[in-house]
């Protein structure tokens, strides 16, 4: 057992819990046993006292000593005492001894008091030490009861009868010793069984740990940890771990592809710009200033897009500004001419959304540019308020009269660096980041961006206060 391991702590914890439970149960059992035996001893003493009292009531006071019922039975001493402490009769173990001491209740002083008590009156009980052998000074604990009665000649007397507690003490001692002897063995069994069961249950965890260590050392994210077929928490842990590894592998693969796409996208404008500058340096009269400016602008736009994607991937919060979506759309349409085709504002509805004005402006611009790029003659824009699932939503719809997006490609166009028209030049087609950025921004604002009908893009955002 390795010190500090889960198996060790589980075994020690289970052993401690069982030990506390067994000790508590043992104390309760001993207490119940002691109480039951004490009650039994009291009943025996009371029964003996009443039996003798019944015999005493049938004889005169001077005849009490001659009663056969005074003989001790099974360590049950008996003594009959008259008022003033005079012993009228006693069993063998109390023969020649003074009256039983230790009772607070006074003896009956007259026949009337004794008659009021009778043999069915209150019974007093005490635990006293009395002799157990008439020839020795050995004593033992007894439960002694006192019963008052009258002799035939109307003499009030008190009958004392005792029942030994020796059997009770021996039984309690035997049970206690048995528990103490059996407790260590039982705790050892509990600890061992717990350790073995925990070891078996955690064996798959060790396999998962070793495989994870191997994956970390090899950086091979295609590997997976073993999944046990137990269907328990460990199996679910292994399944979740594999799902995490799959997500991590996919993320790393996307990052690698992203880096490759960025390198590819940057290569063309940089190479073009370098070529123009080298030609301009060698032949100043051949320098294409306009082309160099276009390549520089394209590099700037691409760097801006990449920076925004990096911020979105890092989980940048969209902000909590209230923005009037219809006013934002009108402002963008008034400030810019987004291409060669006219833009018709078909419908507007007043309503606010919560988020980042800069990011939402970027979404509007990207959707307008995308529509201008594919429109045949016209672009249409509409802003409306809708209700779905008991919530208010603001929708921005941008559509064009172009050929539209094939149904099989309506999700792929939102991936990064995706262009459906491969024959189109990069200068005309852009870098393929606009729609990807627009969907990421919509998602982080709690909304959606979808395409339907081929060329109808719908941005849906939660209305402020909904």
Protein backbone atom coordinates (compact mmCIF):
# COMPACT_ATOMS: atom_id res chain seq x y z
CA UNK A 1 0.00 0.00 0.00
CA UNK A 2 1.48 3.27 -1.06
CA UNK A 3 1.31 5.90 1.59
CA UNK A 4 -1.08 8.68 0.78
CA UNK A 5 -2.78 6.78 -2.06
CA UNK A 6 -6.53 6.84 -2.61
CA UNK A 7 -6.71 3.16 -1.71
CA UNK A 8 -4.98 3.78 1.61
CA UNK A 9 -7.18 6.71 2.51
CA UNK A 10 -10.34 4.82 1.51
CA UNK A 11 -9.35 1.77 3.57
CA UNK A 12 -8.45 3.89 6.61
CA UNK A 13 -11.61 5.94 6.28
CA UNK A 14 -13.85 2.87 6.00
CA UNK A 15 -12.08 1.21 8.94
CA UNK A 16 -12.50 4.31 11.09
CA UNK A 17 -16.20 4.62 10.25
CA UNK A 18 -16.85 0.95 10.97
CA UNK A 19 -14.86 1.18 14.21
CA UNK A 20 -16.91 4.13 15.44
CA UNK A 21 -20.14 2.38 14.43
CA UNK A 22 -19.16 -0.87 16.14
CA UNK A 23 -18.08 0.87 19.32
CA UNK A 24 -21.34 2.82 19.44
CA UNK A 25 -23.34 -0.34 18.75
CA UNK A 26 -21.34 -2.26 21.38
CA UNK A 27 -21.97 0.40 24.01
CA UNK A 28 -25.68 0.34 23.18
CA UNK A 29 -25.82 -3.48 23.35
CA UNK A 30 -24.01 -3.57 26.68
CA UNK A 31 -26.28 -0.87 28.07
CA UNK A 32 -29.42 -2.73 26.94
CA UNK A 33 -28.06 -6.01 28.30
CA UNK A 34 -27.16 -4.46 31.66
CA UNK A 35 -30.55 -2.79 31.91
CA UNK A 36 -32.42 -5.99 31.05
CA UNK A 37 -30.47 -8.06 33.57
CA UNK A 38 -30.95 -5.39 36.24
CA UNK A 39 -34.70 -5.38 35.63
CA UNK A 40 -34.74 -9.16 35.85
CA UNK A 41 -32.84 -9.07 39.14
CA UNK A 42 -35.26 -6.49 40.53
CA UNK A 43 -38.26 -8.58 39.54
CA UNK A 44 -36.74 -11.64 41.18
CA UNK A 45 -36.03 -9.73 44.39
CA UNK A 46 -39.49 -8.17 44.45
CA UNK A 47 -41.15 -11.53 43.81
CA UNK A 48 -39.13 -13.09 46.64
CA UNK A 49 -39.94 -10.21 49.00
CA UNK A 50 -43.66 -10.41 48.31
CA UNK A 51 -43.62 -14.17 48.72
CA UNK A 52 -41.99 -13.88 52.16
CA UNK A 53 -44.29 -10.96 53.09
CA UNK A 54 -47.30 -13.15 52.32
CA UNK A 55 -45.94 -15.86 54.63
CA UNK A 56 -45.12 -13.35 57.40
CA UNK A 57 -48.65 -11.97 57.34
CA UNK A 58 -49.97 -15.43 58.31
CA UNK A 59 -47.92 -15.85 61.53
CA UNK A 60 -47.26 -13.91 64.72
CA UNK A 61 -44.12 -11.83 65.09
CA UNK A 62 -42.49 -14.38 67.40
CA UNK A 63 -43.00 -17.11 64.79
CA UNK A 64 -41.31 -15.31 61.91
CA UNK A 65 -37.94 -16.85 62.72
CA UNK A 66 -39.38 -20.32 62.23
CA UNK A 67 -40.66 -19.75 58.68
CA UNK A 68 -39.25 -22.06 56.00
CA UNK A 69 -39.51 -19.28 53.40
CA UNK A 70 -36.58 -17.43 54.93
CA UNK A 71 -34.05 -19.97 53.64
CA UNK A 72 -31.85 -18.47 50.91
CA UNK A 73 -32.56 -19.57 47.36
CA UNK A 74 -30.00 -19.03 44.61
CA UNK A 75 -28.16 -16.20 46.36
CA UNK A 76 -31.36 -14.44 47.39
CA UNK A 77 -30.82 -13.21 51.00
CA UNK A 78 -33.96 -12.41 53.03
CA UNK A 79 -34.44 -10.44 56.25
CA UNK A 80 -37.57 -9.43 58.20
CA UNK A 81 -37.16 -6.32 60.39
CA UNK A 82 -39.57 -4.88 62.92
CA UNK A 83 -39.75 -1.18 63.86
CA UNK A 84 -36.70 -0.05 65.82
CA UNK A 85 -34.35 -2.25 63.78
CA UNK A 86 -35.21 -5.53 65.52
CA UNK A 87 -34.49 -8.48 63.21
CA UNK A 88 -37.34 -10.98 63.48
CA UNK A 89 -35.91 -13.47 60.99
CA UNK A 90 -33.29 -13.85 58.26
CA UNK A 91 -31.86 -16.31 55.79
CA UNK A 92 -28.58 -18.10 56.30
CA UNK A 93 -26.29 -15.41 54.79
CA UNK A 94 -27.84 -12.63 56.93
CA UNK A 95 -28.25 -14.78 60.08
CA UNK A 96 -26.89 -12.98 63.13
CA UNK A 97 -26.39 -9.68 61.29
CA UNK A 98 -27.99 -6.33 61.87
CA UNK A 99 -30.82 -4.90 59.79
CA UNK A 100 -30.17 -4.11 56.16
CA UNK A 101 -28.87 -0.54 55.88
CA UNK A 102 -29.02 1.89 52.97
CA UNK A 103 -32.76 2.60 52.70
CA UNK A 104 -33.93 6.19 53.21
CA UNK A 105 -37.57 5.25 53.81
CA UNK A 106 -38.34 4.95 57.55
CA UNK A 107 -39.82 1.78 58.94
CA UNK A 108 -43.57 1.76 59.65
CA UNK A 109 -44.12 3.00 63.19
CA UNK A 110 -47.52 1.49 63.77
CA UNK A 111 -49.94 -1.05 62.44
CA UNK A 112 -52.01 1.58 60.65
CA UNK A 113 -49.05 2.70 58.45
CA UNK A 114 -48.12 -0.87 57.65
CA UNK A 115 -51.71 -1.73 56.86
CA UNK A 116 -51.91 1.28 54.51
CA UNK A 117 -48.78 0.04 52.68
CA UNK A 118 -49.84 -3.61 52.56
CA UNK A 119 -48.21 -6.15 50.31
CA UNK A 120 -49.29 -4.25 47.21
CA UNK A 121 -47.81 -0.91 48.30
CA UNK A 122 -44.78 0.91 46.92
CA UNK A 123 -41.61 -1.07 46.67
CA UNK A 124 -38.28 0.55 47.42
CA UNK A 125 -35.19 -0.60 45.54
CA UNK A 126 -31.49 -0.15 46.23
CA UNK A 127 -28.24 -1.67 44.98
CA UNK A 128 -26.28 -2.75 48.06
CA UNK A 129 -23.30 -4.87 48.97
CA UNK A 130 -24.35 -7.85 51.08
CA UNK A 131 -22.53 -10.96 52.32
CA UNK A 132 -22.51 -13.89 49.96
CA UNK A 133 -21.19 -16.48 52.46
CA UNK A 134 -22.13 -16.74 56.15
CA UNK A 135 -18.68 -18.08 57.09
CA UNK A 136 -16.62 -15.42 55.30
CA UNK A 137 -16.57 -11.70 54.95
CA UNK A 138 -16.97 -11.90 51.16
CA UNK A 139 -19.60 -9.53 49.78
CA UNK A 140 -21.29 -8.93 46.47
CA UNK A 141 -23.63 -6.52 44.81
CA UNK A 142 -27.34 -7.21 45.16
CA UNK A 143 -30.52 -5.52 44.06
CA UNK A 144 -32.48 -5.27 47.32
CA UNK A 145 -36.18 -4.38 47.59
CA UNK A 146 -38.17 -3.55 50.72
CA UNK A 147 -41.84 -4.48 51.17
CA UNK A 148 -43.89 -3.56 54.26
CA UNK A 149 -46.55 -5.79 55.72
CA UNK A 150 -48.26 -6.83 59.04
CA UNK A 151 -47.88 -10.03 60.99
CA UNK A 152 -50.93 -11.86 62.19
CA UNK A 153 -50.68 -10.12 65.55
CA UNK A 154 -50.69 -6.70 63.82
CA UNK A 155 -46.95 -6.08 64.16
CA UNK A 156 -45.66 -3.86 61.30
CA UNK A 157 -42.56 -5.34 59.65
CA UNK A 158 -40.40 -4.70 56.57
CA UNK A 159 -39.30 -7.61 54.41
CA UNK A 160 -35.96 -7.16 52.62
CA UNK A 161 -35.10 -9.51 49.75
CA UNK A 162 -32.10 -9.34 47.50
CA UNK A 163 -31.13 -10.76 44.11
CA UNK A 164 -27.46 -11.14 43.21
CA UNK A 165 -26.04 -9.10 40.34
CA UNK A 166 -23.22 -11.56 39.81
CA UNK A 167 -24.81 -13.12 36.72
CA UNK A 168 -25.43 -9.68 35.29
CA UNK A 169 -21.84 -8.62 35.83
CA UNK A 170 -20.48 -11.84 34.36
CA UNK A 171 -22.73 -11.60 31.30
CA UNK A 172 -21.82 -7.97 30.66
CA UNK A 173 -18.13 -8.75 31.16
CA UNK A 174 -18.31 -11.73 28.79
CA UNK A 175 -20.06 -9.73 26.06
CA UNK A 176 -17.63 -6.84 26.44
CA UNK A 177 -14.60 -9.11 26.20
CA UNK A 178 -16.03 -10.86 23.15
CA UNK A 179 -16.56 -7.53 21.43
CA UNK A 180 -13.08 -6.32 22.29
CA UNK A 181 -11.51 -9.54 21.01
CA UNK A 182 -13.54 -9.58 17.79
CA UNK A 183 -13.26 -5.88 16.98
CA UNK A 184 -9.62 -5.83 15.71
CA UNK A 185 -10.19 -8.81 13.43
CA UNK A 186 -13.38 -7.35 12.02
CA UNK A 187 -11.71 -3.99 11.42
CA UNK A 188 -8.81 -5.76 9.70
CA UNK A 189 -11.25 -7.55 7.40
CA UNK A 190 -13.10 -4.30 6.63
CA UNK A 191 -9.86 -2.45 5.87
CA UNK A 192 -8.53 -5.27 3.68
CA UNK A 193 -11.75 -5.71 1.73
CA UNK A 194 -12.06 -1.94 1.20
CA UNK A 195 -8.46 -1.73 -0.01
CA UNK A 196 -8.94 -4.63 -2.45
CA UNK A 197 -12.24 -3.30 -3.79
CA UNK A 198 -10.82 0.21 -4.18
CA UNK A 199 -7.74 -1.17 -5.88
CA UNK A 200 -9.87 -3.07 -8.37
CA UNK A 201 -12.11 -0.05 -8.97
CA UNK A 202 -9.18 2.31 -9.49
CA UNK A 203 -7.15 0.00 -11.71
CA UNK A 204 -8.64 1.55 -14.89
CA UNK A 205 -7.74 5.01 -13.54
CA UNK A 206 -4.10 4.01 -13.45
CA UNK A 207 -4.41 2.84 -17.06
CA UNK A 208 -5.93 6.20 -18.00
CA UNK A 209 -3.12 8.03 -16.18
CA UNK A 210 -0.40 6.04 -17.93
CA UNK A 211 -1.96 6.60 -21.35
CA UNK A 212 -2.34 10.32 -20.67
CA UNK A 213 1.30 10.45 -19.63
CA UNK A 214 2.23 8.72 -22.89
CA UNK A 215 0.12 11.13 -24.92
CA UNK A 216 1.74 14.10 -23.18
CA UNK A 217 5.21 12.73 -23.80
CA UNK A 218 4.57 11.87 -27.46
CA UNK A 219 2.26 14.85 -28.27
CA UNK A 220 0.23 12.36 -30.35
CA UNK A 221 -3.32 13.58 -29.84
CA UNK A 222 -4.77 10.79 -32.00
CA UNK A 223 -4.23 8.30 -29.16
CA UNK A 224 -7.08 7.54 -26.77
CA UNK A 225 -7.27 6.23 -23.21
CA UNK A 226 -8.79 2.78 -22.59
CA UNK A 227 -12.50 2.79 -21.76
CA UNK A 228 -13.58 0.05 -19.32
CA UNK A 229 -16.93 -1.63 -19.95
CA UNK A 230 -18.04 -1.27 -16.32
CA UNK A 231 -20.47 1.57 -17.02
CA UNK A 232 -19.52 3.32 -13.77
CA UNK A 233 -17.96 6.70 -12.97
CA UNK A 234 -14.51 5.55 -14.12
CA UNK A 235 -15.91 4.52 -17.49
CA UNK A 236 -17.63 7.88 -17.84
CA UNK A 237 -14.36 9.58 -16.88
CA UNK A 238 -12.51 7.68 -19.62
CA UNK A 239 -15.24 8.54 -22.14
CA UNK A 240 -15.10 12.22 -21.22
CA UNK A 241 -11.31 12.16 -21.40
CA UNK A 242 -11.43 10.73 -24.91
CA UNK A 243 -13.99 13.34 -25.92
CA UNK A 244 -11.69 16.03 -24.53
CA UNK A 245 -8.74 14.56 -26.44
CA UNK A 246 -10.83 14.50 -29.63
CA UNK A 247 -11.84 18.13 -29.12
CA UNK A 248 -8.23 19.06 -28.39
CA UNK A 249 -7.02 17.21 -31.48
CA UNK A 250 -9.63 18.97 -33.58
CA UNK A 251 -8.68 22.33 -32.09
CA UNK A 252 -4.99 21.77 -32.71
CA UNK A 253 -5.75 20.64 -36.25
CA UNK A 254 -7.84 23.76 -36.84
CA UNK A 255 -5.02 25.90 -35.50
CA UNK A 256 -2.53 24.20 -37.79
CA UNK A 257 -4.84 24.64 -40.73
CA UNK A 258 -5.44 28.23 -39.71
CA UNK A 259 -1.72 28.95 -39.61
CA UNK A 260 -1.27 27.29 -43.00
CA UNK A 261 -4.17 29.29 -44.50
CA UNK A 262 -2.85 32.53 -43.02
CA UNK A 263 0.60 31.83 -44.43
CA UNK A 264 -0.92 31.10 -47.81
CA UNK A 265 -3.09 34.23 -47.73
CA UNK A 266 -0.21 36.48 -46.70
CA UNK A 267 2.19 35.04 -49.24
CA UNK A 268 0.41 36.40 -52.31
CA UNK A 269 0.08 40.10 -51.34
CA UNK A 270 3.54 40.15 -49.78
CA UNK A 271 5.09 38.55 -52.85
CA UNK A 272 3.17 40.93 -55.11
CA UNK A 273 4.15 43.95 -53.04
CA UNK A 274 7.78 42.88 -52.95
CA UNK A 275 7.85 42.36 -56.69
CA UNK A 276 6.39 45.81 -57.32
CA UNK A 277 8.86 47.45 -54.96
CA UNK A 278 11.82 45.62 -56.52
CA UNK A 279 10.67 46.64 -60.01
CA UNK A 280 10.13 50.19 -58.77
CA UNK A 281 13.61 50.25 -57.24
CA UNK A 282 15.18 49.06 -60.50
CA UNK A 283 12.87 50.97 -62.85
CA UNK A 284 11.13 53.85 -61.07
CA UNK A 285 9.08 54.64 -64.12
CA UNK A 286 7.46 51.16 -63.97
CA UNK A 287 6.37 51.36 -60.28
CA UNK A 288 2.66 50.46 -59.92
CA UNK A 289 1.74 52.66 -56.99
CA UNK A 290 -1.96 51.81 -57.15
CA UNK A 291 -1.24 48.08 -57.08
CA UNK A 292 1.14 48.49 -54.14
CA UNK A 293 -1.49 50.46 -52.26
CA UNK A 294 -4.12 47.78 -52.95
CA UNK A 295 -1.81 45.02 -51.73
CA UNK A 296 -1.00 47.04 -48.62
CA UNK A 297 -4.70 47.63 -47.92
CA UNK A 298 -5.41 43.97 -48.41
CA UNK A 299 -2.64 43.09 -45.94
CA UNK A 300 -4.05 45.59 -43.47
CA UNK A 301 -7.59 44.18 -43.79
CA UNK A 302 -6.33 40.64 -43.40
CA UNK A 303 -4.32 41.57 -40.30
CA UNK A 304 -7.41 43.27 -38.84
CA UNK A 305 -9.52 40.17 -39.50
CA UNK A 306 -6.93 37.89 -37.95
CA UNK A 307 -6.65 40.10 -34.88
CA UNK A 308 -10.44 40.07 -34.42
CA UNK A 309 -10.55 36.28 -34.80
CA UNK A 310 -7.79 35.93 -32.22
CA UNK A 311 -9.75 38.09 -29.79
CA UNK A 312 -12.91 36.09 -30.38
CA UNK A 313 -11.10 32.79 -29.91
CA UNK A 314 -9.65 34.13 -26.66
CA UNK A 315 -13.20 34.59 -25.37
CA UNK A 316 -13.40 38.37 -25.45
CA UNK A 317 -16.68 39.49 -23.90
CA UNK A 318 -18.95 41.34 -26.33
CA UNK A 319 -19.74 44.14 -23.85
CA UNK A 320 -23.03 45.36 -22.42
CA UNK A 321 -23.79 48.46 -24.49
CA UNK A 322 -27.36 48.97 -25.74
CA UNK A 323 -27.31 49.44 -29.49
CA UNK A 324 -30.21 50.39 -31.77
CA UNK A 325 -29.86 47.86 -34.58
CA UNK A 326 -31.96 49.83 -37.09
CA UNK A 327 -29.94 53.01 -36.45
CA UNK A 328 -26.68 51.07 -36.84
CA UNK A 329 -27.80 49.70 -40.22
CA UNK A 330 -28.95 53.13 -41.45
CA UNK A 331 -25.64 54.66 -40.40
CA UNK A 332 -23.59 52.07 -42.27
CA UNK A 333 -25.71 52.42 -45.40
CA UNK A 334 -25.32 56.22 -45.28
CA UNK A 335 -21.57 56.24 -44.65
CA UNK A 336 -20.43 53.70 -47.20
CA UNK A 337 -21.23 52.60 -50.69
CA UNK A 338 -20.82 48.85 -50.27
CA UNK A 339 -20.30 47.97 -53.88
CA UNK A 340 -21.62 48.69 -57.31
CA UNK A 341 -25.22 47.62 -56.69
CA UNK A 342 -27.92 49.71 -55.04
CA UNK A 343 -29.09 48.75 -51.56
CA UNK A 344 -32.80 48.88 -50.82
CA UNK A 345 -33.93 49.21 -47.21
CA UNK A 346 -37.23 47.33 -47.29
CA UNK A 347 -38.30 47.33 -43.64
CA UNK A 348 -37.05 48.74 -40.34
CA UNK A 349 -38.20 48.15 -36.79
CA UNK A 350 -36.98 50.01 -33.77
CA UNK A 351 -35.29 47.88 -31.20
CA UNK A 352 -32.07 47.56 -29.22
CA UNK A 353 -29.61 44.77 -28.68
CA UNK A 354 -26.84 44.42 -26.10
CA UNK A 355 -23.21 43.94 -27.07
CA UNK A 356 -20.18 45.47 -28.76
CA UNK A 357 -20.93 48.20 -31.26
CA UNK A 358 -17.66 47.66 -33.07
CA UNK A 359 -18.18 43.92 -33.51
CA UNK A 360 -21.81 44.29 -34.62
CA UNK A 361 -20.79 47.00 -37.09
CA UNK A 362 -18.28 44.54 -38.50
CA UNK A 363 -21.05 41.95 -38.95
CA UNK A 364 -23.26 44.43 -40.84
CA UNK A 365 -20.37 45.50 -43.09
CA UNK A 366 -19.36 41.89 -43.82
CA UNK A 367 -22.91 40.89 -44.74
CA UNK A 368 -23.32 43.91 -47.03
CA UNK A 369 -19.96 43.27 -48.73
CA UNK A 370 -20.79 39.60 -49.22
CA UNK A 371 -24.15 40.49 -50.78
CA UNK A 372 -22.57 43.10 -53.11
CA UNK A 373 -19.98 40.58 -54.20
CA UNK A 374 -22.57 38.03 -55.34
CA UNK A 375 -25.54 40.20 -56.35
CA UNK A 376 -26.62 40.47 -59.97
CA UNK A 377 -28.24 43.89 -59.73
CA UNK A 378 -29.61 44.65 -56.26
CA UNK A 379 -29.17 44.11 -52.49
CA UNK A 380 -32.07 44.20 -50.03
CA UNK A 381 -31.88 44.90 -46.28
CA UNK A 382 -34.59 44.57 -43.60
CA UNK A 383 -34.64 45.01 -39.82
CA UNK A 384 -37.57 43.52 -37.92
CA UNK A 385 -38.60 42.37 -34.46
CA UNK A 386 -39.82 38.81 -33.89
CA UNK A 387 -40.82 36.57 -31.00
CA UNK A 388 -39.55 33.04 -30.52
CA UNK A 389 -39.80 30.77 -27.48
CA UNK A 390 -41.32 33.57 -25.45
CA UNK A 391 -38.42 35.95 -26.14
CA UNK A 392 -38.06 39.06 -28.26
CA UNK A 393 -35.47 38.98 -31.06
CA UNK A 394 -34.11 41.57 -33.45
CA UNK A 395 -33.41 40.28 -36.96
CA UNK A 396 -31.25 41.75 -39.70
CA UNK A 397 -31.89 40.24 -43.12
CA UNK A 398 -29.47 40.86 -46.02
CA UNK A 399 -30.29 39.29 -49.38
CA UNK A 400 -29.24 39.67 -53.00
CA UNK A 401 -30.48 38.57 -56.39
CA UNK A 402 -27.40 36.52 -57.16
CA UNK A 403 -27.17 32.77 -57.84
CA UNK A 404 -27.28 31.92 -54.11
CA UNK A 405 -25.45 29.34 -52.05
CA UNK A 406 -26.01 25.64 -52.81
CA UNK A 407 -27.82 23.90 -49.98
CA UNK A 408 -24.95 21.49 -49.42
CA UNK A 409 -22.55 24.40 -48.86
CA UNK A 410 -24.68 26.55 -46.52
CA UNK A 411 -22.72 25.56 -43.43
CA UNK A 412 -19.28 25.32 -45.00
CA UNK A 413 -19.34 28.96 -46.09
CA UNK A 414 -19.09 29.97 -42.43
CA UNK A 415 -15.75 28.20 -42.06
CA UNK A 416 -12.57 30.22 -42.18
CA UNK A 417 -10.78 30.77 -45.50
CA UNK A 418 -13.58 29.10 -47.46
CA UNK A 419 -14.42 30.38 -50.98
CA UNK A 420 -17.01 28.61 -53.06
CA UNK A 421 -15.84 30.18 -56.34
CA UNK A 422 -12.34 28.78 -56.67
CA UNK A 423 -11.89 30.37 -60.08
CA UNK A 424 -12.45 33.84 -58.65
CA UNK A 425 -9.35 35.91 -58.05
CA UNK A 426 -8.26 36.57 -54.49
CA UNK A 427 -8.51 40.29 -54.98
CA UNK A 428 -12.17 40.00 -55.86
CA UNK A 429 -13.10 37.18 -53.55
CA UNK A 430 -11.48 38.32 -50.34
CA UNK A 431 -9.77 36.06 -47.83
CA UNK A 432 -12.83 34.01 -46.90
CA UNK A 433 -13.01 35.33 -43.33
CA UNK A 434 -15.99 37.70 -43.46
CA UNK A 435 -18.80 35.21 -42.87
CA UNK A 436 -16.75 33.26 -40.33
CA UNK A 437 -16.19 36.44 -38.32
CA UNK A 438 -19.87 37.39 -38.62
CA UNK A 439 -21.07 34.03 -37.26
CA UNK A 440 -18.54 34.04 -34.40
CA UNK A 441 -19.66 37.52 -33.36
CA UNK A 442 -23.34 36.51 -33.57
CA UNK A 443 -22.72 33.42 -31.44
CA UNK A 444 -20.86 35.37 -28.77
CA UNK A 445 -23.77 37.82 -28.62
CA UNK A 446 -26.19 34.99 -27.91
CA UNK A 447 -27.59 35.00 -31.44
CA UNK A 448 -27.37 33.13 -34.72
CA UNK A 449 -26.42 33.75 -38.33
CA UNK A 450 -27.98 31.50 -40.96
CA UNK A 451 -28.49 31.42 -44.71
CA UNK A 452 -31.67 30.26 -46.42
CA UNK A 453 -33.18 30.48 -49.85
CA UNK A 454 -29.72 30.53 -51.35
CA UNK A 455 -28.87 34.19 -50.78
CA UNK A 456 -30.87 35.29 -47.72
CA UNK A 457 -28.62 35.83 -44.68
CA UNK A 458 -30.44 36.36 -41.35
CA UNK A 459 -28.71 37.70 -38.25
CA UNK A 460 -30.87 37.07 -35.15
CA UNK A 461 -29.91 38.70 -31.80
CA UNK A 462 -31.73 38.80 -28.43
CA UNK A 463 -33.58 42.11 -27.97
CA UNK A 464 -32.45 44.20 -25.03
CA UNK A 465 -34.54 43.51 -21.92
CA UNK A 466 -35.98 40.24 -23.23
